[in-house]
Amino acid sequence: GHGDDAHGGGHGGGHDVHVPPKAPWPDLQPLEWATLLPLAAVTILLGVWPSLALGLFNPTVTALLEMMKVAG
């Protein structure tokens, strides 16, 4: 029959959690915020100023291209 849906019990309680309307992400713990905020800041910074990261890779890529020219 339809009485048993393999969930092993009632469905009460889990969907009745009240979240205050002021909290955009109330389930984030302080450690999660400490991880999320620097990652978000770096993502925005590199999106606005990509030459920060590209400048780090440029010498390595240039050297690799020079080695490929010599080998080829």
Protein backbone atom coordinates (compact mmCIF):
# COMPACT_ATOMS: atom_id res chain seq x y z
CA GLY A 1 0.00 0.00 0.00
CA HIS A 2 0.81 3.66 0.11
CA GLY A 3 1.24 3.85 3.85
CA ASP A 4 4.96 3.00 3.90
CA ASP A 5 7.25 5.22 1.84
CA ALA A 6 10.55 3.80 3.24
CA HIS A 7 11.34 6.92 5.26
CA GLY A 8 10.92 5.07 8.53
CA GLY A 9 8.56 7.26 10.47
CA GLY A 10 6.72 10.51 10.51
CA HIS A 11 7.60 13.66 8.70
CA GLY A 12 7.08 16.12 11.51
CA GLY A 13 9.42 18.85 12.70
CA GLY A 14 11.97 19.15 9.91
CA HIS A 15 10.04 21.57 7.77
CA ASP A 16 8.81 23.79 10.57
CA VAL A 17 12.12 25.57 11.30
CA HIS A 18 11.54 29.29 11.79
CA VAL A 19 14.25 31.57 10.35
CA PRO A 20 14.26 35.25 11.27
CA PRO A 21 13.73 37.40 8.16
CA LYS A 22 16.83 39.53 8.93
CA ALA A 23 19.33 36.66 8.53
CA PRO A 24 20.30 36.11 4.86
CA TRP A 25 22.41 32.98 5.65
CA PRO A 26 21.56 31.97 9.21
CA ASP A 27 23.05 28.49 8.89
CA LEU A 28 26.66 29.68 8.36
CA GLN A 29 28.92 29.19 11.36
CA PRO A 30 31.76 31.65 12.20
CA LEU A 31 34.40 29.32 10.71
CA GLU A 32 32.39 29.12 7.49
CA TRP A 33 32.16 32.93 7.36
CA ALA A 34 35.93 33.11 7.96
CA THR A 35 36.42 30.87 4.93
CA LEU A 36 33.77 32.45 2.70
CA LEU A 37 34.67 36.12 3.11
CA PRO A 38 38.35 35.92 2.01
CA LEU A 39 37.41 33.70 -0.94
CA ALA A 40 34.70 36.14 -1.99
CA ALA A 41 37.08 39.09 -1.61
CA VAL A 42 39.79 37.42 -3.74
CA THR A 43 37.21 36.45 -6.36
CA ILE A 44 35.96 40.03 -6.64
CA LEU A 45 39.50 41.46 -6.59
CA LEU A 46 40.70 39.17 -9.38
CA GLY A 47 37.53 39.89 -11.35
CA VAL A 48 38.19 43.62 -11.16
CA TRP A 49 42.00 43.46 -11.44
CA PRO A 50 42.97 40.21 -13.25
CA SER A 51 46.51 41.41 -13.99
CA LEU A 52 47.32 40.67 -10.33
CA ALA A 53 47.19 36.94 -11.03
CA LEU A 54 48.21 37.07 -14.67
CA GLY A 55 51.38 38.96 -13.78
CA LEU A 56 52.43 36.07 -11.55
CA PHE A 57 52.07 33.53 -14.36
CA ASN A 58 53.58 35.58 -17.19
CA PRO A 59 57.30 34.85 -16.52
CA THR A 60 56.64 31.12 -16.22
CA VAL A 61 54.55 30.99 -19.40
CA THR A 62 57.15 33.04 -21.29
CA ALA A 63 59.94 30.69 -20.18
CA LEU A 64 57.86 27.66 -21.15
CA LEU A 65 57.19 29.11 -24.61
CA GLU A 66 60.91 29.81 -25.07
CA MET A 67 61.74 26.20 -24.15
CA MET A 68 59.16 24.97 -26.66
CA LYS A 69 60.70 27.15 -29.40
CA VAL A 70 64.16 25.71 -28.70
CA ALA A 71 62.87 22.13 -28.61
CA GLY A 72 60.70 22.54 -31.71
